[in-house]
C-alpha atoms as a PDB file:
ATOM      1  CA  UNK A   1      38.155 -49.418  87.324  1.00  0.00           C
ATOM      2  CA  UNK A   2      41.473 -50.423  85.769  1.00  0.00           C
ATOM      3  CA  UNK A   3      44.800 -48.918  86.835  1.00  0.00           C
ATOM      4  CA  UNK A   4      47.890 -48.565  84.656  1.00  0.00           C
ATOM      5  CA  UNK A   5      51.180 -48.823  86.535  1.00  0.00           C
ATOM      6  CA  UNK A   6      53.393 -46.189  84.959  1.00  0.00           C
ATOM      7  CA  UNK A   7      57.057 -45.332  85.376  1.00  0.00           C
ATOM      8  CA  UNK A   8      57.090 -42.696  82.637  1.00  0.00           C
ATOM      9  CA  UNK A   9      59.080 -44.993  80.344  1.00  0.00           C
ATOM     10  CA  UNK A  10      58.010 -45.884  76.783  1.00  0.00           C
ATOM     11  CA  UNK A  11      56.421 -49.243  77.646  1.00  0.00           C
ATOM     12  CA  UNK A  12      54.107 -48.023  80.392  1.00  0.00           C
ATOM     13  CA  UNK A  13      53.286 -44.740  78.627  1.00  0.00           C
ATOM     14  CA  UNK A  14      52.324 -46.661  75.482  1.00  0.00           C
ATOM     15  CA  UNK A  15      50.149 -48.956  77.580  1.00  0.00           C
ATOM     16  CA  UNK A  16      48.476 -45.939  79.168  1.00  0.00           C
ATOM     17  CA  UNK A  17      47.770 -44.460  75.730  1.00  0.00           C
ATOM     18  CA  UNK A  18      46.111 -47.664  74.512  1.00  0.00           C
ATOM     19  CA  UNK A  19      44.136 -48.023  77.753  1.00  0.00           C
ATOM     20  CA  UNK A  20      43.004 -44.397  77.434  1.00  0.00           C
ATOM     21  CA  UNK A  21      41.601 -45.190  73.989  1.00  0.00           C
ATOM     22  CA  UNK A  22      39.377 -47.909  75.457  1.00  0.00           C
ATOM     23  CA  UNK A  23      38.313 -45.511  78.204  1.00  0.00           C
ATOM     24  CA  UNK A  24      37.302 -42.877  75.625  1.00  0.00           C
ATOM     25  CA  UNK A  25      35.069 -45.311  73.751  1.00  0.00           C
ATOM     26  CA  UNK A  26      33.376 -46.266  77.003  1.00  0.00           C
ATOM     27  CA  UNK A  27      34.814 -49.751  77.359  1.00  0.00           C
ATOM     28  CA  UNK A  28      36.175 -49.163  80.852  1.00  0.00           C
ATOM     29  CA  UNK A  29      37.242 -46.545  83.378  1.00  0.00           C
ATOM     30  CA  UNK A  30      41.020 -46.164  83.536  1.00  0.00           C
ATOM     31  CA  UNK A  31      43.257 -44.483  86.086  1.00  0.00           C
ATOM     32  CA  UNK A  32      46.986 -44.672  86.712  1.00  0.00           C
ATOM     33  CA  UNK A  33      49.555 -45.016  89.462  1.00  0.00           C
ATOM     34  CA  UNK A  34      53.017 -43.504  89.053  1.00  0.00           C
ATOM     35  CA  UNK A  35      55.527 -45.066  91.420  1.00  0.00           C
ATOM     36  CA  UNK A  36      58.480 -42.925  92.474  1.00  0.00           C
ATOM     37  CA  UNK A  37      61.191 -45.216  93.874  1.00  0.00           C
ATOM     38  CA  UNK A  38      63.144 -42.176  95.102  1.00  0.00           C
ATOM     39  CA  UNK A  39      66.420 -43.873  94.173  1.00  0.00           C
ATOM     40  CA  UNK A  40      67.707 -41.257  91.721  1.00  0.00           C
ATOM     41  CA  UNK A  41      68.130 -37.506  91.848  1.00  0.00           C
ATOM     42  CA  UNK A  42      65.153 -35.806  90.247  1.00  0.00           C
ATOM     43  CA  UNK A  43      62.885 -38.857  90.498  1.00  0.00           C
ATOM     44  CA  UNK A  44      60.027 -36.754  91.904  1.00  0.00           C
ATOM     45  CA  UNK A  45      60.142 -34.476  88.851  1.00  0.00           C
ATOM     46  CA  UNK A  46      60.100 -37.521  86.548  1.00  0.00           C
ATOM     47  CA  UNK A  47      57.030 -38.829  88.365  1.00  0.00           C
ATOM     48  CA  UNK A  48      55.233 -35.477  88.079  1.00  0.00           C
ATOM     49  CA  UNK A  49      56.014 -35.268  84.368  1.00  0.00           C
ATOM     50  CA  UNK A  50      54.655 -38.780  83.811  1.00  0.00           C
ATOM     51  CA  UNK A  51      51.526 -37.940  85.801  1.00  0.00           C
ATOM     52  CA  UNK A  52      51.004 -34.825  83.662  1.00  0.00           C
ATOM     53  CA  UNK A  53      51.143 -36.836  80.425  1.00  0.00           C
ATOM     54  CA  UNK A  54      48.741 -39.417  81.830  1.00  0.00           C
ATOM     55  CA  UNK A  55      46.302 -36.659  82.707  1.00  0.00           C
ATOM     56  CA  UNK A  56      46.553 -35.260  79.182  1.00  0.00           C
ATOM     57  CA  UNK A  57      45.676 -38.718  77.841  1.00  0.00           C
ATOM     58  CA  UNK A  58      42.473 -38.541  79.851  1.00  0.00           C
ATOM     59  CA  UNK A  59      43.251 -41.059  82.575  1.00  0.00           C
ATOM     60  CA  UNK A  60      41.546 -40.377  85.897  1.00  0.00           C
ATOM     61  CA  UNK A  61      42.445 -40.563  88.680  1.00  0.00           C
ATOM     62  CA  UNK A  62      46.219 -40.274  88.327  1.00  0.00           C
ATOM     63  CA  UNK A  63      48.063 -40.698  91.604  1.00  0.00           C
ATOM     64  CA  UNK A  64      51.758 -40.509  92.439  1.00  0.00           C
ATOM     65  CA  UNK A  65      53.050 -42.751  95.205  1.00  0.00           C
ATOM     66  CA  UNK A  66      56.551 -42.844  96.667  1.00  0.00           C
ATOM     67  CA  UNK A  67      57.948 -46.299  97.423  1.00  0.00           C
ATOM     68  CA  UNK A  68      60.173 -47.032 100.391  1.00  0.00           C
ATOM     69  CA  UNK A  69      62.877 -49.406  99.207  1.00  0.00           C
ATOM     70  CA  UNK A  70      64.515 -51.622 101.835  1.00  0.00           C
ATOM     71  CA  UNK A  71      67.208 -54.054 100.752  1.00  0.00           C
ATOM     72  CA  UNK A  72      66.477 -56.668 103.423  1.00  0.00           C
ATOM     73  CA  UNK A  73      69.230 -58.875 102.046  1.00  0.00           C
ATOM     74  CA  UNK A  74      67.875 -58.593  98.481  1.00  0.00           C
ATOM     75  CA  UNK A  75      69.650 -57.101  95.493  1.00  0.00           C
ATOM     76  CA  UNK A  76      68.708 -53.558  94.413  1.00  0.00           C
ATOM     77  CA  UNK A  77      66.446 -54.717  91.566  1.00  0.00           C
ATOM     78  CA  UNK A  78      64.558 -57.193  93.748  1.00  0.00           C
ATOM     79  CA  UNK A  79      64.206 -54.647  96.555  1.00  0.00           C
ATOM     80  CA  UNK A  80      62.800 -52.016  94.183  1.00  0.00           C
ATOM     81  CA  UNK A  81      60.396 -54.556  92.674  1.00  0.00           C
ATOM     82  CA  UNK A  82      59.140 -55.610  96.111  1.00  0.00           C
ATOM     83  CA  UNK A  83      58.570 -51.984  97.129  1.00  0.00           C
ATOM     84  CA  UNK A  84      56.848 -51.208  93.811  1.00  0.00           C
ATOM     85  CA  UNK A  85      54.339 -54.035  94.132  1.00  0.00           C
ATOM     86  CA  UNK A  86      53.594 -53.062  97.728  1.00  0.00           C
ATOM     87  CA  UNK A  87      52.704 -49.546  96.528  1.00  0.00           C
ATOM     88  CA  UNK A  88      50.619 -50.893  93.639  1.00  0.00           C
ATOM     89  CA  UNK A  89      48.746 -53.288  95.946  1.00  0.00           C
ATOM     90  CA  UNK A  90      47.907 -50.435  98.317  1.00  0.00           C
ATOM     91  CA  UNK A  91      46.829 -48.083  95.518  1.00  0.00           C
ATOM     92  CA  UNK A  92      44.635 -50.731  93.882  1.00  0.00           C
ATOM     93  CA  UNK A  93      42.917 -51.431  97.205  1.00  0.00           C
ATOM     94  CA  UNK A  94      42.427 -47.741  98.000  1.00  0.00           C
ATOM     95  CA  UNK A  95      40.968 -46.944  94.572  1.00  0.00           C
ATOM     96  CA  UNK A  96      38.913 -50.113  94.243  1.00  0.00           C
ATOM     97  CA  UNK A  97      40.675 -51.229  91.049  1.00  0.00           C
ATOM     98  CA  UNK A  98      39.672 -54.544  89.502  1.00  0.00           C
ATOM     99  CA  UNK A  99      42.961 -54.920  87.637  1.00  0.00           C
ATOM    100  CA  UNK A 100      46.421 -53.333  87.396  1.00  0.00           C
ATOM    101  CA  UNK A 101      48.082 -53.249  83.969  1.00  0.00           C
ATOM    102  CA  UNK A 102      51.853 -53.651  83.653  1.00  0.00           C
ATOM    103  CA  UNK A 103      53.824 -52.646  80.565  1.00  0.00           C
ATOM    104  CA  UNK A 104      56.228 -55.590  80.250  1.00  0.00           C
ATOM    105  CA  UNK A 105      57.026 -56.580  76.660  1.00  0.00           C
ATOM    106  CA  UNK A 106      58.314 -59.614  74.773  1.00  0.00           C
ATOM    107  CA  UNK A 107      61.835 -58.210  75.169  1.00  0.00           C
ATOM    108  CA  UNK A 108      61.424 -58.096  78.950  1.00  0.00           C
ATOM    109  CA  UNK A 109      60.263 -61.709  78.904  1.00  0.00           C
ATOM    110  CA  UNK A 110      63.240 -62.825  76.814  1.00  0.00           C
ATOM    111  CA  UNK A 111      65.587 -61.101  79.262  1.00  0.00           C
ATOM    112  CA  UNK A 112      63.810 -62.783  82.165  1.00  0.00           C
ATOM    113  CA  UNK A 113      64.266 -66.245  80.629  1.00  0.00           C
ATOM    114  CA  UNK A 114      67.964 -65.651  79.974  1.00  0.00           C
ATOM    115  CA  UNK A 115      68.479 -64.472  83.556  1.00  0.00           C
ATOM    116  CA  UNK A 116      66.719 -67.605  84.784  1.00  0.00           C
ATOM    117  CA  UNK A 117      68.977 -69.780  82.649  1.00  0.00           C
ATOM    118  CA  UNK A 118      72.039 -68.017  84.047  1.00  0.00           C
ATOM    119  CA  UNK A 119      70.860 -68.754  87.599  1.00  0.00           C
ATOM    120  CA  UNK A 120      70.180 -72.415  86.832  1.00  0.00           C
ATOM    121  CA  UNK A 121      66.499 -72.002  87.654  1.00  0.00           C
ATOM    122  CA  UNK A 122      63.633 -74.463  87.372  1.00  0.00           C
ATOM    123  CA  UNK A 123      60.548 -74.637  85.196  1.00  0.00           C
ATOM    124  CA  UNK A 124      58.530 -71.930  86.933  1.00  0.00           C
ATOM    125  CA  UNK A 125      61.348 -69.383  86.803  1.00  0.00           C
ATOM    126  CA  UNK A 126      62.082 -70.135  83.136  1.00  0.00           C
ATOM    127  CA  UNK A 127      58.390 -69.656  82.374  1.00  0.00           C
ATOM    128  CA  UNK A 128      59.040 -65.960  82.992  1.00  0.00           C
ATOM    129  CA  UNK A 129      56.333 -63.464  83.843  1.00  0.00           C
ATOM    130  CA  UNK A 130      52.716 -64.644  83.593  1.00  0.00           C
ATOM    131  CA  UNK A 131      50.186 -62.791  81.458  1.00  0.00           C
ATOM    132  CA  UNK A 132      48.027 -62.551  84.552  1.00  0.00           C
ATOM    133  CA  UNK A 133      48.530 -63.197  88.229  1.00  0.00           C
ATOM    134  CA  UNK A 134      45.932 -62.081  90.713  1.00  0.00           C
ATOM    135  CA  UNK A 135      44.882 -58.543  89.836  1.00  0.00           C
ATOM    136  CA  UNK A 136      47.917 -57.948  87.599  1.00  0.00           C
ATOM    137  CA  UNK A 137      47.759 -58.122  83.797  1.00  0.00           C
ATOM    138  CA  UNK A 138      50.491 -57.844  81.161  1.00  0.00           C
ATOM    139  CA  UNK A 139      48.682 -57.118  77.872  1.00  0.00           C
ATOM    140  CA  UNK A 140      51.879 -56.132  76.000  1.00  0.00           C
ATOM    141  CA  UNK A 141      53.851 -59.361  76.516  1.00  0.00           C
ATOM    142  CA  UNK A 142      53.654 -60.217  72.812  1.00  0.00           C
ATOM    143  CA  UNK A 143      54.760 -56.736  71.663  1.00  0.00           C
ATOM    144  CA  UNK A 144      58.363 -55.735  71.053  1.00  0.00           C
ATOM    145  CA  UNK A 145      59.937 -52.733  72.756  1.00  0.00           C
ATOM    146  CA  UNK A 146      60.137 -51.017  69.366  1.00  0.00           C
ATOM    147  CA  UNK A 147      56.344 -51.265  69.141  1.00  0.00           C
ATOM    148  CA  UNK A 148      55.852 -49.343  72.378  1.00  0.00           C
ATOM    149  CA  UNK A 149      58.278 -46.681  71.210  1.00  0.00           C
ATOM    150  CA  UNK A 150      56.256 -46.342  68.002  1.00  0.00           C
ATOM    151  CA  UNK A 151      53.025 -45.976  69.989  1.00  0.00           C
ATOM    152  CA  UNK A 152      54.579 -43.180  72.054  1.00  0.00           C
ATOM    153  CA  UNK A 153      55.690 -41.418  68.902  1.00  0.00           C
ATOM    154  CA  UNK A 154      52.209 -41.746  67.381  1.00  0.00           C
ATOM    155  CA  UNK A 155      50.583 -40.142  70.433  1.00  0.00           C
ATOM    156  CA  UNK A 156      53.276 -37.477  70.783  1.00  0.00           C
ATOM    157  CA  UNK A 157      54.341 -38.740  74.201  1.00  0.00           C
ATOM    158  CA  UNK A 158      57.706 -37.911  75.739  1.00  0.00           C
ATOM    159  CA  UNK A 159      58.914 -41.039  77.570  1.00  0.00           C
ATOM    160  CA  UNK A 160      61.583 -40.958  80.219  1.00  0.00           C
ATOM    161  CA  UNK A 161      64.590 -43.183  79.552  1.00  0.00           C
ATOM    162  CA  UNK A 162      65.718 -44.683  82.846  1.00  0.00           C
ATOM    163  CA  UNK A 163      69.536 -44.433  83.050  1.00  0.00           C
ATOM    164  CA  UNK A 164      69.543 -47.667  85.097  1.00  0.00           C
ATOM    165  CA  UNK A 165      68.514 -49.530  81.939  1.00  0.00           C
ATOM    166  CA  UNK A 166      71.910 -48.771  80.426  1.00  0.00           C
ATOM    167  CA  UNK A 167      73.886 -49.253  83.647  1.00  0.00           C
ATOM    168  CA  UNK A 168      75.717 -52.520  83.055  1.00  0.00           C
ATOM    169  CA  UNK A 169      76.400 -53.003  86.739  1.00  0.00           C
ATOM    170  CA  UNK A 170      72.902 -54.553  86.656  1.00  0.00           C
ATOM    171  CA  UNK A 171      72.623 -58.054  85.185  1.00  0.00           C
ATOM    172  CA  UNK A 172      69.416 -57.245  83.300  1.00  0.00           C
ATOM    173  CA  UNK A 173      71.058 -54.239  81.652  1.00  0.00           C
ATOM    174  CA  UNK A 174      73.960 -56.420  80.490  1.00  0.00           C
ATOM    175  CA  UNK A 175      71.528 -58.929  79.028  1.00  0.00           C
ATOM    176  CA  UNK A 176      69.660 -56.137  77.236  1.00  0.00           C
ATOM    177  CA  UNK A 177      72.651 -54.222  75.921  1.00  0.00           C
ATOM    178  CA  UNK A 178      75.174 -57.007  75.282  1.00  0.00           C
ATOM    179  CA  UNK A 179      73.958 -60.593  75.626  1.00  0.00           C
ATOM    180  CA  UNK A 180      70.821 -60.546  73.479  1.00  0.00           C
ATOM    181  CA  UNK A 181      72.445 -58.525  70.656  1.00  0.00           C
ATOM    182  CA  UNK A 182      75.409 -60.946  70.715  1.00  0.00           C
ATOM    183  CA  UNK A 183      73.091 -63.954  70.449  1.00  0.00           C
ATOM    184  CA  UNK A 184      71.214 -62.318  67.587  1.00  0.00           C
ATOM    185  CA  UNK A 185      74.528 -61.696  65.813  1.00  0.00           C
ATOM    186  CA  UNK A 186      75.869 -65.224  66.352  1.00  0.00           C
ATOM    187  CA  UNK A 187      72.705 -67.308  65.997  1.00  0.00           C
ATOM    188  CA  UNK A 188      70.604 -65.180  63.718  1.00  0.00           C
ATOM    189  CA  UNK A 189      67.515 -63.029  64.267  1.00  0.00           C
ATOM    190  CA  UNK A 190      64.533 -64.229  66.246  1.00  0.00           C
ATOM    191  CA  UNK A 191      66.271 -65.100  69.517  1.00  0.00           C
ATOM    192  CA  UNK A 192      63.949 -62.929  71.613  1.00  0.00           C
ATOM    193  CA  UNK A 193      60.876 -64.503  70.004  1.00  0.00           C
ATOM    194  CA  UNK A 194      62.305 -68.004  70.544  1.00  0.00           C
ATOM    195  CA  UNK A 195      62.907 -67.293  74.226  1.00  0.00           C
ATOM    196  CA  UNK A 196      59.371 -65.954  74.501  1.00  0.00           C
ATOM    197  CA  UNK A 197      57.966 -69.147  72.937  1.00  0.00           C
ATOM    198  CA  UNK A 198      60.024 -71.175  75.393  1.00  0.00           C
ATOM    199  CA  UNK A 199      58.515 -69.242  78.280  1.00  0.00           C
ATOM    200  CA  UNK A 200      54.971 -69.944  77.030  1.00  0.00           C
ATOM    201  CA  UNK A 201      55.648 -73.682  76.707  1.00  0.00           C
ATOM    202  CA  UNK A 202      57.265 -73.895  80.131  1.00  0.00           C
ATOM    203  CA  UNK A 203      54.456 -71.881  81.725  1.00  0.00           C
ATOM    204  CA  UNK A 204      51.975 -74.580  80.634  1.00  0.00           C
ATOM    205  CA  UNK A 205      54.260 -77.305  82.004  1.00  0.00           C
ATOM    206  CA  UNK A 206      54.771 -75.456  85.278  1.00  0.00           C
ATOM    207  CA  UNK A 207      51.033 -74.892  85.766  1.00  0.00           C
ATOM    208  CA  UNK A 208      50.327 -78.600  85.276  1.00  0.00           C
ATOM    209  CA  UNK A 209      53.162 -79.802  87.514  1.00  0.00           C
ATOM    210  CA  UNK A 210      52.213 -77.389  90.266  1.00  0.00           C
ATOM    211  CA  UNK A 211      48.598 -78.535  90.254  1.00  0.00           C
ATOM    212  CA  UNK A 212      49.581 -82.224  90.337  1.00  0.00           C
ATOM    213  CA  UNK A 213      52.110 -81.490  93.087  1.00  0.00           C
ATOM    214  CA  UNK A 214      49.549 -79.622  95.197  1.00  0.00           C
ATOM    215  CA  UNK A 215      47.037 -82.465  94.846  1.00  0.00           C
ATOM    216  CA  UNK A 216      49.677 -85.069  95.676  1.00  0.00           C
ATOM    217  CA  UNK A 217      50.920 -83.121  98.680  1.00  0.00           C
ATOM    218  CA  UNK A 218      47.417 -82.697 100.054  1.00  0.00           C
ATOM    219  CA  UNK A 219      46.980 -86.484  99.844  1.00  0.00           C
ATOM    220  CA  UNK A 220      50.292 -87.230 101.588  1.00  0.00           C
ATOM    221  CA  UNK A 221      50.316 -84.596 104.288  1.00  0.00           C
ATOM    222  CA  UNK A 222      49.629 -85.342 107.937  1.00  0.00           C
ATOM    223  CA  UNK A 223      50.181 -83.033 110.871  1.00  0.00           C
ATOM    224  CA  UNK A 224      51.396 -83.867 114.360  1.00  0.00           C
ATOM    225  CA  UNK A 225      52.310 -81.475 117.173  1.00  0.00           C
ATOM    226  CA  UNK A 226      52.915 -78.539 114.831  1.00  0.00           C
ATOM    227  CA  UNK A 227      55.008 -80.545 112.367  1.00  0.00           C
ATOM    228  CA  UNK A 228      54.173 -81.824 108.892  1.00  0.00           C
ATOM    229  CA  UNK A 229      54.873 -85.480 108.122  1.00  0.00           C
ATOM    230  CA  UNK A 230      55.177 -87.209 104.738  1.00  0.00           C
ATOM    231  CA  UNK A 231      55.273 -91.009 104.536  1.00  0.00           C
ATOM    232  CA  UNK A 232      58.631 -92.166 103.188  1.00  0.00           C
ATOM    233  CA  UNK A 233      57.357 -95.127 101.178  1.00  0.00           C
ATOM    234  CA  UNK A 234      54.880 -92.907  99.349  1.00  0.00           C
ATOM    235  CA  UNK A 235      57.537 -90.274  98.632  1.00  0.00           C
ATOM    236  CA  UNK A 236      59.870 -92.941  97.197  1.00  0.00           C
ATOM    237  CA  UNK A 237      57.128 -94.021  94.795  1.00  0.00           C
ATOM    238  CA  UNK A 238      56.922 -90.543  93.226  1.00  0.00           C
ATOM    239  CA  UNK A 239      58.964 -89.504  90.165  1.00  0.00           C
ATOM    240  CA  UNK A 240      61.818 -87.143  91.140  1.00  0.00           C
ATOM    241  CA  UNK A 241      60.277 -84.001  89.583  1.00  0.00           C
ATOM    242  CA  UNK A 242      57.074 -84.534  91.562  1.00  0.00           C
ATOM    243  CA  UNK A 243      58.815 -85.656  94.746  1.00  0.00           C
ATOM    244  CA  UNK A 244      61.001 -82.548  94.914  1.00  0.00           C
ATOM    245  CA  UNK A 245      58.001 -80.279  94.427  1.00  0.00           C
ATOM    246  CA  UNK A 246      56.138 -82.059  97.226  1.00  0.00           C
ATOM    247  CA  UNK A 247      59.134 -81.633  99.549  1.00  0.00           C
ATOM    248  CA  UNK A 248      59.250 -77.928  98.681  1.00  0.00           C
ATOM    249  CA  UNK A 249      55.533 -77.551  99.425  1.00  0.00           C
ATOM    250  CA  UNK A 250      56.047 -79.103 102.854  1.00  0.00           C
ATOM    251  CA  UNK A 251      58.865 -76.664 103.635  1.00  0.00           C
ATOM    252  CA  UNK A 252      56.744 -73.676 102.643  1.00  0.00           C
ATOM    253  CA  UNK A 253      53.709 -75.117 104.441  1.00  0.00           C
ATOM    254  CA  UNK A 254      55.456 -74.936 107.820  1.00  0.00           C
ATOM    255  CA  UNK A 255      56.473 -71.330 107.207  1.00  0.00           C
ATOM    256  CA  UNK A 256      59.820 -71.685 105.448  1.00  0.00           C
ATOM    257  CA  UNK A 257      61.278 -70.322 102.231  1.00  0.00           C
ATOM    258  CA  UNK A 258      61.243 -72.003  98.842  1.00  0.00           C
ATOM    259  CA  UNK A 259      64.247 -74.369  99.150  1.00  0.00           C
ATOM    260  CA  UNK A 260      67.056 -74.370  96.614  1.00  0.00           C
ATOM    261  CA  UNK A 261      67.574 -77.389  94.358  1.00  0.00           C
ATOM    262  CA  UNK A 262      70.633 -78.388  96.388  1.00  0.00           C
ATOM    263  CA  UNK A 263      68.668 -78.279  99.672  1.00  0.00           C
ATOM    264  CA  UNK A 264      65.863 -80.344  98.129  1.00  0.00           C
ATOM    265  CA  UNK A 265      68.351 -82.959  96.964  1.00  0.00           C
ATOM    266  CA  UNK A 266      69.801 -83.085 100.487  1.00  0.00           C
ATOM    267  CA  UNK A 267      66.308 -83.636 101.919  1.00  0.00           C
ATOM    268  CA  UNK A 268      65.610 -86.258  99.274  1.00  0.00           C
ATOM    269  CA  UNK A 269      68.769 -88.157 100.267  1.00  0.00           C
ATOM    270  CA  UNK A 270      67.182 -88.908 103.649  1.00  0.00           C
ATOM    271  CA  UNK A 271      64.864 -91.341 101.875  1.00  0.00           C
ATOM    272  CA  UNK A 272      67.810 -93.636 101.128  1.00  0.00           C
ATOM    273  CA  UNK A 273      68.068 -94.334 104.899  1.00  0.00           C
ATOM    274  CA  UNK A 274      71.847 -94.293 104.738  1.00  0.00           C
ATOM    275  CA  UNK A 275      73.961 -92.194 107.056  1.00  0.00           C
ATOM    276  CA  UNK A 276      72.486 -89.361 109.050  1.00  0.00           C
ATOM    277  CA  UNK A 277      68.781 -89.084 109.785  1.00  0.00           C
ATOM    278  CA  UNK A 278      69.082 -85.309 109.626  1.00  0.00           C
ATOM    279  CA  UNK A 279      68.054 -82.681 110.270  1.00  0.00           C
ATOM    280  CA  UNK A 280      68.612 -81.030 106.909  1.00  0.00           C
ATOM    281  CA  UNK A 281      68.175 -77.250 107.046  1.00  0.00           C
ATOM    282  CA  UNK A 282      65.907 -75.929 104.299  1.00  0.00           C
ATOM    283  CA  UNK A 283      65.934 -72.193 105.044  1.00  0.00           C
ATOM    284  CA  UNK A 284      63.489 -69.962 106.857  1.00  0.00           C
ATOM    285  CA  UNK A 285      64.133 -71.813 110.131  1.00  0.00           C
ATOM    286  CA  UNK A 286      62.717 -75.030 108.649  1.00  0.00           C
ATOM    287  CA  UNK A 287      64.400 -78.404 109.009  1.00  0.00           C
ATOM    288  CA  UNK A 288      63.487 -81.886 107.804  1.00  0.00           C
ATOM    289  CA  UNK A 289      64.572 -85.106 109.466  1.00  0.00           C
ATOM    290  CA  UNK A 290      63.922 -88.799 109.062  1.00  0.00           C
ATOM    291  CA  UNK A 291      61.886 -90.575 111.701  1.00  0.00           C
ATOM    292  CA  UNK A 292      64.352 -92.799 113.540  1.00  0.00           C
ATOM    293  CA  UNK A 293      63.041 -96.364 113.532  1.00  0.00           C
ATOM    294  CA  UNK A 294      64.666 -97.118 116.851  1.00  0.00           C
ATOM    295  CA  UNK A 295      62.472 -94.553 118.525  1.00  0.00           C
ATOM    296  CA  UNK A 296      59.585 -95.859 120.605  1.00  0.00           C
ATOM    297  CA  UNK A 297      56.793 -95.332 118.094  1.00  0.00           C
ATOM    298  CA  UNK A 298      54.135 -97.885 117.195  1.00  0.00           C
ATOM    299  CA  UNK A 299      54.129 -98.974 113.527  1.00  0.00           C
ATOM    300  CA  UNK A 300      51.270 -97.362 111.653  1.00  0.00           C
ATOM    301  CA  UNK A 301      51.280 -94.083 113.561  1.00  0.00           C
ATOM    302  CA  UNK A 302      51.769 -90.948 111.413  1.00  0.00           C
ATOM    303  CA  UNK A 303      55.393 -90.484 112.462  1.00  0.00           C
ATOM    304  CA  UNK A 304      56.528 -94.030 111.694  1.00  0.00           C
ATOM    305  CA  UNK A 305      58.623 -94.073 108.532  1.00  0.00           C
ATOM    306  CA  UNK A 306      58.025 -90.419 107.703  1.00  0.00           C
ATOM    307  CA  UNK A 307      60.008 -87.316 106.894  1.00  0.00           C
ATOM    308  CA  UNK A 308      59.259 -84.707 109.529  1.00  0.00           C
ATOM    309  CA  UNK A 309      59.189 -81.003 108.605  1.00  0.00           C
ATOM    310  CA  UNK A 310      59.534 -78.620 111.522  1.00  0.00           C
ATOM    311  CA  UNK A 311      59.759 -74.862 111.910  1.00  0.00           C
ATOM    312  CA  UNK A 312      62.319 -74.175 114.619  1.00  0.00           C
ATOM    313  CA  UNK A 313      61.015 -70.736 115.496  1.00  0.00           C
ATOM    314  CA  UNK A 314      59.079 -70.801 118.733  1.00  0.00           C
ATOM    315  CA  UNK A 315      55.325 -70.819 118.227  1.00  0.00           C
ATOM    316  CA  UNK A 316      55.529 -71.302 114.463  1.00  0.00           C
ATOM    317  CA  UNK A 317      52.414 -72.786 112.895  1.00  0.00           C
ATOM    318  CA  UNK A 318      52.093 -74.681 109.600  1.00  0.00           C
ATOM    319  CA  UNK A 319      50.932 -72.365 106.825  1.00  0.00           C
ATOM    320  CA  UNK A 320      48.208 -74.466 105.194  1.00  0.00           C
ATOM    321  CA  UNK A 321      47.285 -71.794 102.660  1.00  0.00           C
ATOM    322  CA  UNK A 322      50.720 -71.965 101.036  1.00  0.00           C
ATOM    323  CA  UNK A 323      49.957 -75.215  99.197  1.00  0.00           C
ATOM    324  CA  UNK A 324      47.365 -73.320  97.166  1.00  0.00           C
ATOM    325  CA  UNK A 325      49.688 -70.496  96.122  1.00  0.00           C
END
């Protein structure tokens, strides 16, 4: 069975209508999950209305789930997204779904790339949203938002227009309402399509670099007393783009967070063997330090001439699976 994640907006309703067509011709069984974030007055009624339209399209089962949104230090958009995916994961597992369809469009991808540029992000972030990741699929990524609105009109659907999409206190709303139209006006039409093409090119680059980085890290990594060690002379031989990715993999491997570019550069500076031997804090209770040569360690042992990654939480264990993610 395939599930459509539906908010009641034009993109997800249009996706549900197209999926329902394939269900009617016997290509697949299609159900839907409506996620109520419970962040706005009347959200439960919006969810029920969306569920009713999905039922009329012939989707079955149609379930409504309420998300519990916790900020946890995240912004409101990130917190809602985290809660939404948690609900979708649970619903897919409970219903035995093979895939979950998401209604993101080319316009959403263009906005994502611009937001990444504004943050000064790296290749993976600028690659935007993948067409598929795990059980999730985005079949509408090459369609424009106007296309989904036309599909809704064709099927006589009544989409809900989320007022948050026009609330310019949110960065994405400002990009949608002001930044992209301004760029189109100043640089000519086709900006959204150009940003989408950029995301596709960078996604290929990011996939390749991540695979090479994972293979390189696996070949460099040694473990000693709950720490991860990387030989300095082998790290110095790597090109910077690969070296920084390997350092990031080590930080995540011992249970930390993805380090920022500035933190990675600070860790990389330890290889110059000038000044302090560390530790450099990388976030998530992880630190990296340079093995001090004056310490009583025999040459050739794993800790001689290595960067040492350590999780400073008591009882923390290296997370080996993270290098595959």
